[in-house]
């Protein structure tokens, strides 16, 4: 599970996310765990836009439906009647919607935009840019779409 490490200084077992200055709906969070490998690794720092529109393929920050004090990072596979079906990028680890079902929309906090540490990596290109990067001629440039955050892996939302 890609849980988040504590970013604030107050004591307590539950993860906390710093929400930025209040005017902008952005936050910086630390990834803890291997469930999003190879997209995100343990110790990566990511920027989250709270309240952002979610679409299939996006990396999202959510409250775990069984432990709402735990924040997790998963990939939104598809929208269902009861919420978002979320999957881990690491196919060898579970603890995603295959275990706990669809996550209600009110538990989806925001979209992960980019990794800022240890290296910068964009995870959420605009929809028009994603379409452009997947079409000819840009779609023929090896690795270009992946470097700019386009996820081309298979999302198999079984169950």
N, C-alpha and C. Protein backbone atom coordinates (compact mmCIF):
# COMPACT_ATOMS: atom_id res chain seq x y z
N UNK A 1 0.84 -1.17 0.00
CA UNK A 1 0.00 0.00 0.00
C UNK A 1 0.88 1.23 0.00
N UNK A 2 0.57 2.18 -0.82
CA UNK A 2 1.34 3.42 -0.83
C UNK A 2 0.72 4.35 0.19
N UNK A 3 1.12 4.20 1.41
CA UNK A 3 0.64 5.08 2.47
C UNK A 3 1.51 6.33 2.47
N UNK A 4 1.14 7.29 3.26
CA UNK A 4 1.89 8.53 3.28
C UNK A 4 2.55 8.74 4.63
N UNK A 5 3.77 9.22 4.59
CA UNK A 5 4.48 9.53 5.81
C UNK A 5 4.05 10.88 6.34
N UNK A 6 4.24 11.06 7.62
CA UNK A 6 3.89 12.29 8.29
C UNK A 6 4.73 13.44 7.78
N UNK A 7 4.10 14.56 7.46
CA UNK A 7 4.79 15.76 7.01
C UNK A 7 4.72 16.86 8.06
N UNK A 8 3.76 16.78 8.98
CA UNK A 8 3.64 17.81 10.01
C UNK A 8 4.39 17.35 11.26
N UNK A 9 4.53 18.23 12.23
CA UNK A 9 5.33 17.92 13.41
C UNK A 9 4.51 17.40 14.58
N UNK A 10 3.17 17.44 14.52
CA UNK A 10 2.39 16.98 15.66
C UNK A 10 2.46 15.46 15.78
N UNK A 11 2.41 14.99 17.03
CA UNK A 11 2.53 13.57 17.30
C UNK A 11 1.21 12.85 17.03
N UNK A 12 1.29 11.56 16.84
CA UNK A 12 0.09 10.76 16.61
C UNK A 12 0.34 9.74 15.52
N UNK A 13 -0.40 8.64 15.51
CA UNK A 13 -0.15 7.58 14.56
C UNK A 13 -0.72 7.81 13.16
N UNK A 14 -1.68 8.72 13.01
CA UNK A 14 -2.32 8.85 11.71
C UNK A 14 -1.52 9.76 10.79
N UNK A 15 -1.50 9.46 9.48
CA UNK A 15 -0.79 10.30 8.53
C UNK A 15 -1.48 11.65 8.38
N UNK A 16 -0.70 12.66 8.15
CA UNK A 16 -1.21 14.01 7.99
C UNK A 16 -0.66 14.58 6.70
N UNK A 17 -1.45 15.33 5.99
CA UNK A 17 -1.01 15.96 4.76
C UNK A 17 -1.03 17.46 4.95
N UNK A 18 0.07 18.12 4.60
CA UNK A 18 0.11 19.56 4.64
C UNK A 18 -0.65 20.09 3.44
N UNK A 19 -1.55 21.02 3.64
CA UNK A 19 -2.44 21.45 2.57
C UNK A 19 -2.01 22.74 1.89
N UNK A 20 -0.84 23.22 2.12
CA UNK A 20 -0.40 24.43 1.45
C UNK A 20 -0.86 25.67 2.20
N UNK A 21 -0.85 26.79 1.51
CA UNK A 21 -1.12 28.06 2.15
C UNK A 21 -2.58 28.41 2.29
N UNK A 22 -3.50 27.63 1.81
CA UNK A 22 -4.91 27.92 1.96
C UNK A 22 -5.53 28.52 0.71
N UNK A 23 -4.81 29.41 0.01
CA UNK A 23 -5.34 29.99 -1.21
C UNK A 23 -5.25 29.03 -2.37
N UNK A 24 -4.19 28.25 -2.41
CA UNK A 24 -4.01 27.27 -3.48
C UNK A 24 -4.29 25.88 -2.93
N UNK A 25 -5.01 25.09 -3.67
CA UNK A 25 -5.39 23.76 -3.18
C UNK A 25 -4.33 22.70 -3.45
N UNK A 26 -3.07 22.99 -3.09
CA UNK A 26 -1.99 22.05 -3.35
C UNK A 26 -1.36 21.61 -2.04
N UNK A 27 -0.79 20.41 -2.05
CA UNK A 27 -0.10 19.90 -0.88
C UNK A 27 1.09 19.05 -1.30
N UNK A 28 2.06 18.92 -0.41
CA UNK A 28 3.24 18.10 -0.63
C UNK A 28 3.15 16.91 0.31
N UNK A 29 3.23 15.70 -0.24
CA UNK A 29 3.13 14.49 0.58
C UNK A 29 4.27 13.54 0.25
N UNK A 30 4.60 12.69 1.21
CA UNK A 30 5.63 11.67 1.03
C UNK A 30 4.96 10.32 0.79
N UNK A 31 5.46 9.58 -0.16
CA UNK A 31 4.95 8.24 -0.44
C UNK A 31 5.68 7.25 0.44
N UNK A 32 4.93 6.33 1.03
CA UNK A 32 5.52 5.31 1.90
C UNK A 32 4.99 3.95 1.47
N UNK A 33 5.84 3.12 0.92
CA UNK A 33 5.43 1.78 0.51
C UNK A 33 5.63 1.55 -0.97
N UNK A 34 5.59 0.27 -1.39
CA UNK A 34 5.91 -0.10 -2.77
C UNK A 34 4.71 -0.32 -3.69
N UNK A 35 3.50 0.01 -3.31
CA UNK A 35 2.36 -0.39 -4.13
C UNK A 35 2.26 0.35 -5.46
N UNK A 36 2.91 1.49 -5.62
CA UNK A 36 2.82 2.23 -6.88
C UNK A 36 4.08 2.11 -7.73
N UNK A 37 4.98 1.19 -7.38
CA UNK A 37 6.17 0.93 -8.18
C UNK A 37 5.71 0.35 -9.51
N UNK A 38 6.16 0.79 -10.65
CA UNK A 38 7.33 1.61 -10.93
C UNK A 38 7.05 3.11 -11.07
N UNK A 39 5.80 3.55 -10.91
CA UNK A 39 5.48 4.97 -11.05
C UNK A 39 6.04 5.79 -9.90
N UNK A 40 5.79 5.35 -8.67
CA UNK A 40 6.26 6.03 -7.47
C UNK A 40 6.95 5.02 -6.56
N UNK A 41 7.99 5.46 -5.87
CA UNK A 41 8.74 4.60 -4.98
C UNK A 41 8.65 5.12 -3.55
N UNK A 42 8.95 4.25 -2.62
CA UNK A 42 9.00 4.60 -1.21
C UNK A 42 9.94 5.79 -1.03
N UNK A 43 9.48 6.83 -0.38
CA UNK A 43 10.30 8.02 -0.14
C UNK A 43 10.11 9.13 -1.15
N UNK A 44 9.40 8.89 -2.24
CA UNK A 44 9.15 9.96 -3.21
C UNK A 44 8.28 11.04 -2.58
N UNK A 45 8.51 12.27 -2.97
CA UNK A 45 7.67 13.39 -2.57
C UNK A 45 6.85 13.81 -3.78
N UNK A 46 5.53 13.98 -3.57
CA UNK A 46 4.64 14.32 -4.67
C UNK A 46 3.79 15.53 -4.33
N UNK A 47 3.36 16.23 -5.37
CA UNK A 47 2.46 17.37 -5.23
C UNK A 47 1.06 16.89 -5.58
N UNK A 48 0.10 17.19 -4.70
CA UNK A 48 -1.29 16.80 -4.89
C UNK A 48 -2.14 18.06 -5.06
N UNK A 49 -3.05 18.02 -6.03
CA UNK A 49 -4.03 19.09 -6.16
C UNK A 49 -5.33 18.57 -5.59
N UNK A 50 -5.75 19.14 -4.46
CA UNK A 50 -6.97 18.72 -3.79
C UNK A 50 -8.19 19.19 -4.57
N UNK A 51 -9.17 18.31 -4.68
CA UNK A 51 -10.41 18.65 -5.38
C UNK A 51 -10.30 18.66 -6.89
N UNK A 52 -9.18 18.18 -7.44
CA UNK A 52 -9.01 18.17 -8.90
C UNK A 52 -9.93 17.15 -9.54
N UNK A 53 -10.28 17.38 -10.79
CA UNK A 53 -11.09 16.43 -11.54
C UNK A 53 -10.29 15.15 -11.75
N UNK A 54 -10.94 14.03 -11.54
CA UNK A 54 -10.29 12.72 -11.68
C UNK A 54 -10.80 12.06 -12.95
N UNK A 55 -9.89 11.44 -13.68
CA UNK A 55 -10.29 10.64 -14.84
C UNK A 55 -9.54 9.32 -14.78
N UNK A 56 -10.04 8.34 -15.51
CA UNK A 56 -9.40 7.03 -15.51
C UNK A 56 -7.94 7.16 -15.92
N UNK A 57 -7.06 6.49 -15.18
CA UNK A 57 -5.63 6.54 -15.44
C UNK A 57 -4.88 7.49 -14.53
N UNK A 58 -5.59 8.37 -13.83
CA UNK A 58 -4.95 9.35 -12.95
C UNK A 58 -4.46 8.68 -11.67
N UNK A 59 -3.37 9.21 -11.13
CA UNK A 59 -2.88 8.81 -9.81
C UNK A 59 -3.56 9.72 -8.80
N UNK A 60 -4.19 9.12 -7.79
CA UNK A 60 -5.01 9.89 -6.86
C UNK A 60 -4.60 9.65 -5.41
N UNK A 61 -4.93 10.61 -4.56
CA UNK A 61 -4.77 10.52 -3.11
C UNK A 61 -6.16 10.31 -2.52
N UNK A 62 -6.32 9.23 -1.75
CA UNK A 62 -7.63 8.90 -1.16
C UNK A 62 -7.48 8.51 0.29
N UNK A 63 -8.59 8.60 1.01
CA UNK A 63 -8.67 8.02 2.35
C UNK A 63 -9.01 6.55 2.17
N UNK A 64 -8.30 5.68 2.87
CA UNK A 64 -8.57 4.24 2.78
C UNK A 64 -9.99 4.00 3.28
N UNK A 65 -10.82 3.26 2.53
CA UNK A 65 -12.22 3.08 2.93
C UNK A 65 -12.41 2.30 4.22
N UNK A 66 -11.45 1.47 4.60
CA UNK A 66 -11.57 0.69 5.83
C UNK A 66 -10.88 1.36 7.03
N UNK A 67 -9.90 2.22 6.75
CA UNK A 67 -9.17 2.96 7.78
C UNK A 67 -9.04 4.39 7.31
N UNK A 68 -10.02 5.21 7.60
CA UNK A 68 -10.04 6.55 7.03
C UNK A 68 -8.99 7.49 7.60
N UNK A 69 -8.25 7.04 8.63
CA UNK A 69 -7.13 7.83 9.10
C UNK A 69 -5.89 7.59 8.24
N UNK A 70 -5.95 6.62 7.32
CA UNK A 70 -4.83 6.28 6.45
C UNK A 70 -5.06 6.85 5.06
N UNK A 71 -4.08 7.60 4.56
CA UNK A 71 -4.16 8.15 3.21
C UNK A 71 -3.32 7.28 2.29
N UNK A 72 -3.85 6.98 1.11
CA UNK A 72 -3.14 6.12 0.17
C UNK A 72 -3.12 6.75 -1.22
N UNK A 73 -2.12 6.34 -1.99
CA UNK A 73 -1.99 6.77 -3.38
C UNK A 73 -2.23 5.56 -4.25
N UNK A 74 -3.17 5.68 -5.18
CA UNK A 74 -3.53 4.59 -6.10
C UNK A 74 -3.83 5.18 -7.47
N UNK A 75 -4.00 4.29 -8.46
CA UNK A 75 -4.38 4.71 -9.79
C UNK A 75 -5.88 4.50 -9.96
N UNK A 76 -6.57 5.52 -10.43
CA UNK A 76 -8.02 5.42 -10.68
C UNK A 76 -8.21 4.65 -11.98
N UNK A 77 -8.77 3.45 -11.89
CA UNK A 77 -8.95 2.61 -13.07
C UNK A 77 -10.23 2.95 -13.82
N UNK A 78 -11.34 3.08 -13.08
CA UNK A 78 -12.59 3.44 -13.73
C UNK A 78 -13.60 3.94 -12.71
N UNK A 79 -14.54 4.71 -13.20
CA UNK A 79 -15.63 5.24 -12.38
C UNK A 79 -16.75 4.21 -12.38
N UNK A 80 -17.25 3.88 -11.21
CA UNK A 80 -18.36 2.94 -11.09
C UNK A 80 -19.49 3.62 -10.32
N UNK A 81 -20.63 2.93 -10.24
CA UNK A 81 -21.80 3.50 -9.57
C UNK A 81 -21.51 3.84 -8.12
N UNK A 82 -20.70 3.05 -7.44
CA UNK A 82 -20.42 3.27 -6.01
C UNK A 82 -19.15 4.05 -5.77
N UNK A 83 -18.48 4.52 -6.80
CA UNK A 83 -17.26 5.30 -6.62
C UNK A 83 -16.18 4.90 -7.61
N UNK A 84 -14.91 5.19 -7.24
CA UNK A 84 -13.78 4.90 -8.11
C UNK A 84 -13.19 3.54 -7.82
N UNK A 85 -12.87 2.79 -8.87
CA UNK A 85 -12.16 1.52 -8.76
C UNK A 85 -10.68 1.86 -8.84
N UNK A 86 -9.95 1.58 -7.76
CA UNK A 86 -8.54 1.96 -7.66
C UNK A 86 -7.65 0.74 -7.71
N UNK A 87 -6.51 0.87 -8.40
CA UNK A 87 -5.56 -0.23 -8.51
C UNK A 87 -4.16 0.25 -8.17
N UNK A 88 -3.36 -0.67 -7.65
CA UNK A 88 -1.93 -0.42 -7.43
C UNK A 88 -1.22 -0.63 -8.75
N UNK A 89 -0.15 0.14 -9.01
CA UNK A 89 0.65 -0.09 -10.21
C UNK A 89 1.49 -1.35 -10.05
N UNK A 90 1.85 -1.70 -8.83
CA UNK A 90 2.63 -2.90 -8.55
C UNK A 90 1.66 -4.07 -8.51
N UNK A 91 1.64 -4.86 -9.58
CA UNK A 91 0.66 -5.94 -9.70
C UNK A 91 0.85 -7.05 -8.68
N UNK A 92 2.01 -7.09 -8.02
CA UNK A 92 2.27 -8.15 -7.05
C UNK A 92 1.75 -7.81 -5.66
N UNK A 93 1.33 -6.58 -5.46
CA UNK A 93 0.77 -6.18 -4.17
C UNK A 93 -0.72 -5.91 -4.34
N UNK A 94 -1.46 -6.24 -3.34
CA UNK A 94 -2.89 -5.98 -3.37
C UNK A 94 -3.22 -4.69 -2.65
N UNK A 95 -4.17 -4.78 -1.75
CA UNK A 95 -4.65 -3.66 -0.97
C UNK A 95 -5.11 -2.51 -1.86
N UNK A 96 -5.95 -2.86 -2.80
CA UNK A 96 -6.59 -1.86 -3.64
C UNK A 96 -8.06 -2.27 -3.78
N UNK A 97 -8.74 -1.81 -4.78
CA UNK A 97 -10.18 -2.09 -4.91
C UNK A 97 -10.49 -3.57 -5.06
N UNK A 98 -9.51 -4.37 -5.46
CA UNK A 98 -9.74 -5.82 -5.52
C UNK A 98 -9.96 -6.38 -4.12
N UNK A 99 -9.46 -5.68 -3.10
CA UNK A 99 -9.64 -6.10 -1.71
C UNK A 99 -10.81 -5.39 -1.03
N UNK A 100 -10.97 -4.06 -1.28
CA UNK A 100 -11.97 -3.30 -0.52
C UNK A 100 -13.09 -2.70 -1.37
N UNK A 101 -13.11 -2.99 -2.66
CA UNK A 101 -14.19 -2.50 -3.51
C UNK A 101 -13.99 -1.07 -3.96
N UNK A 102 -15.01 -0.52 -4.59
CA UNK A 102 -14.95 0.85 -5.09
C UNK A 102 -14.88 1.83 -3.93
N UNK A 103 -14.14 2.91 -4.13
CA UNK A 103 -13.96 3.93 -3.10
C UNK A 103 -14.93 5.08 -3.40
N UNK A 104 -15.78 5.44 -2.42
CA UNK A 104 -16.74 6.53 -2.63
C UNK A 104 -16.04 7.84 -3.00
N UNK A 105 -16.69 8.63 -3.84
CA UNK A 105 -16.13 9.89 -4.32
C UNK A 105 -15.70 10.81 -3.17
N UNK A 106 -16.44 10.80 -2.06
CA UNK A 106 -16.10 11.70 -0.95
C UNK A 106 -14.78 11.34 -0.26
N UNK A 107 -14.25 10.14 -0.51
CA UNK A 107 -12.95 9.75 0.06
C UNK A 107 -11.79 10.07 -0.87
N UNK A 108 -12.08 10.47 -2.10
CA UNK A 108 -11.04 10.86 -3.05
C UNK A 108 -10.68 12.32 -2.76
N UNK A 109 -9.45 12.54 -2.31
CA UNK A 109 -9.04 13.88 -1.90
C UNK A 109 -8.49 14.72 -3.04
N UNK A 110 -7.77 14.10 -3.97
CA UNK A 110 -7.20 14.88 -5.05
C UNK A 110 -6.37 14.05 -5.99
N UNK A 111 -5.76 14.73 -6.94
CA UNK A 111 -4.96 14.09 -7.98
C UNK A 111 -3.49 14.41 -7.77
N UNK A 112 -2.65 13.39 -7.92
CA UNK A 112 -1.20 13.59 -7.82
C UNK A 112 -0.74 14.18 -9.15
N UNK A 113 -0.14 15.37 -9.08
CA UNK A 113 0.28 16.06 -10.30
C UNK A 113 1.69 15.70 -10.73
N UNK A 114 2.63 15.73 -9.77
CA UNK A 114 4.01 15.47 -10.12
C UNK A 114 4.82 15.00 -8.94
N UNK A 115 5.89 14.30 -9.27
CA UNK A 115 6.87 13.90 -8.27
C UNK A 115 7.93 14.99 -8.25
N UNK A 116 8.29 15.47 -7.06
CA UNK A 116 9.30 16.52 -6.97
C UNK A 116 10.62 16.02 -6.41
N UNK A 117 10.62 14.85 -5.80
CA UNK A 117 11.86 14.31 -5.24
C UNK A 117 11.76 12.80 -5.26
N UNK A 118 12.79 12.08 -5.56
CA UNK A 118 14.18 12.47 -5.76
C UNK A 118 14.45 13.11 -7.12
N UNK A 119 13.59 12.90 -8.11
CA UNK A 119 13.73 13.58 -9.40
C UNK A 119 12.34 14.05 -9.83
N UNK A 120 12.31 15.10 -10.60
CA UNK A 120 11.04 15.66 -11.03
C UNK A 120 10.44 14.77 -12.12
N UNK A 121 9.16 14.46 -11.98
CA UNK A 121 8.46 13.66 -12.98
C UNK A 121 6.99 14.06 -13.01
N UNK A 122 6.51 14.45 -14.18
CA UNK A 122 5.12 14.88 -14.33
C UNK A 122 4.23 13.65 -14.36
N UNK A 123 3.12 13.65 -13.61
CA UNK A 123 2.22 12.51 -13.55
C UNK A 123 0.82 12.83 -14.06
N UNK A 124 0.56 14.08 -14.40
CA UNK A 124 -0.80 14.45 -14.78
C UNK A 124 -0.82 15.49 -15.89
N UNK A 125 -0.53 15.07 -17.14
CA UNK A 125 -0.63 16.06 -18.21
C UNK A 125 -2.08 16.42 -18.49
N UNK A 126 -2.28 17.58 -19.07
CA UNK A 126 -3.63 17.99 -19.46
C UNK A 126 -4.17 16.99 -20.49
N UNK A 127 -5.49 16.85 -20.53
CA UNK A 127 -6.11 15.87 -21.41
C UNK A 127 -5.73 16.09 -22.88
N UNK A 128 -5.69 17.35 -23.33
CA UNK A 128 -5.34 17.64 -24.71
C UNK A 128 -3.90 17.25 -25.00
N UNK A 129 -2.99 17.45 -24.01
CA UNK A 129 -1.59 17.09 -24.20
C UNK A 129 -1.43 15.57 -24.24
N UNK A 130 -2.20 14.88 -23.40
CA UNK A 130 -2.14 13.42 -23.41
C UNK A 130 -2.57 12.87 -24.77
N UNK A 131 -3.64 13.39 -25.34
CA UNK A 131 -4.09 12.95 -26.67
C UNK A 131 -3.03 13.24 -27.73
N UNK A 132 -2.42 14.42 -27.65
CA UNK A 132 -1.40 14.82 -28.61
C UNK A 132 -0.18 13.89 -28.53
N UNK A 133 0.22 13.54 -27.32
CA UNK A 133 1.40 12.68 -27.13
C UNK A 133 1.17 11.25 -27.58
N UNK A 134 -0.08 10.84 -27.68
CA UNK A 134 -0.39 9.46 -28.09
C UNK A 134 -0.65 9.34 -29.59
N UNK A 135 -0.72 10.45 -30.30
CA UNK A 135 -0.98 10.42 -31.75
C UNK A 135 0.31 10.62 -32.52
N UNK A 136 0.23 10.29 -33.81
CA UNK A 136 1.34 10.51 -34.70
C UNK A 136 1.52 12.00 -34.90
N UNK A 137 2.66 12.58 -34.95
CA UNK A 137 3.99 11.99 -34.95
C UNK A 137 4.60 11.82 -33.56
N UNK A 138 4.08 12.55 -32.57
CA UNK A 138 4.70 12.50 -31.24
C UNK A 138 4.60 11.11 -30.61
N UNK A 139 3.54 10.37 -30.92
CA UNK A 139 3.36 9.04 -30.37
C UNK A 139 4.42 8.05 -30.81
N UNK A 140 5.16 8.37 -31.87
CA UNK A 140 6.21 7.48 -32.36
C UNK A 140 7.56 7.72 -31.68
N UNK A 141 7.69 8.80 -30.92
CA UNK A 141 8.95 9.08 -30.22
C UNK A 141 9.02 8.19 -28.99
N UNK A 142 9.99 7.26 -28.93
CA UNK A 142 10.05 6.31 -27.82
C UNK A 142 10.22 7.00 -26.46
N UNK A 143 9.32 6.68 -25.53
CA UNK A 143 9.44 7.17 -24.16
C UNK A 143 8.97 8.58 -23.91
N UNK A 144 8.62 9.33 -24.94
CA UNK A 144 8.23 10.73 -24.75
C UNK A 144 6.96 10.84 -23.91
N UNK A 145 5.95 10.08 -24.26
CA UNK A 145 4.68 10.15 -23.52
C UNK A 145 4.88 9.76 -22.07
N UNK A 146 5.65 8.71 -21.79
CA UNK A 146 5.89 8.27 -20.42
C UNK A 146 6.64 9.33 -19.63
N UNK A 147 7.61 10.00 -20.26
CA UNK A 147 8.37 11.04 -19.55
C UNK A 147 7.49 12.22 -19.17
N UNK A 148 6.41 12.43 -19.92
CA UNK A 148 5.51 13.54 -19.64
C UNK A 148 4.25 13.11 -18.90
N UNK A 149 4.27 11.89 -18.34
CA UNK A 149 3.21 11.47 -17.44
C UNK A 149 2.03 10.74 -18.03
N UNK A 150 2.12 10.31 -19.28
CA UNK A 150 1.01 9.58 -19.89
C UNK A 150 1.14 8.11 -19.49
N UNK A 151 0.10 7.59 -18.87
CA UNK A 151 0.08 6.19 -18.45
C UNK A 151 -0.51 5.35 -19.57
N UNK A 152 0.30 4.41 -20.08
CA UNK A 152 -0.17 3.56 -21.17
C UNK A 152 -0.30 2.11 -20.74
N UNK A 153 -0.16 1.83 -19.47
CA UNK A 153 -0.30 0.47 -18.98
C UNK A 153 -1.74 0.00 -19.06
N UNK A 154 -1.93 -1.28 -18.90
CA UNK A 154 -3.28 -1.81 -18.93
C UNK A 154 -3.93 -1.64 -17.56
N UNK A 155 -5.12 -1.10 -17.57
CA UNK A 155 -5.91 -1.01 -16.36
C UNK A 155 -6.95 -2.11 -16.43
N UNK A 156 -6.77 -3.14 -15.63
CA UNK A 156 -7.73 -4.24 -15.68
C UNK A 156 -8.51 -4.27 -14.38
N UNK A 157 -9.64 -3.57 -14.33
CA UNK A 157 -10.42 -3.46 -13.12
C UNK A 157 -11.28 -4.69 -12.85
N UNK A 158 -10.64 -5.84 -12.71
CA UNK A 158 -11.39 -7.09 -12.52
C UNK A 158 -12.32 -6.99 -11.32
N UNK A 159 -13.33 -7.80 -11.36
CA UNK A 159 -14.42 -7.88 -10.37
C UNK A 159 -15.49 -6.92 -10.66
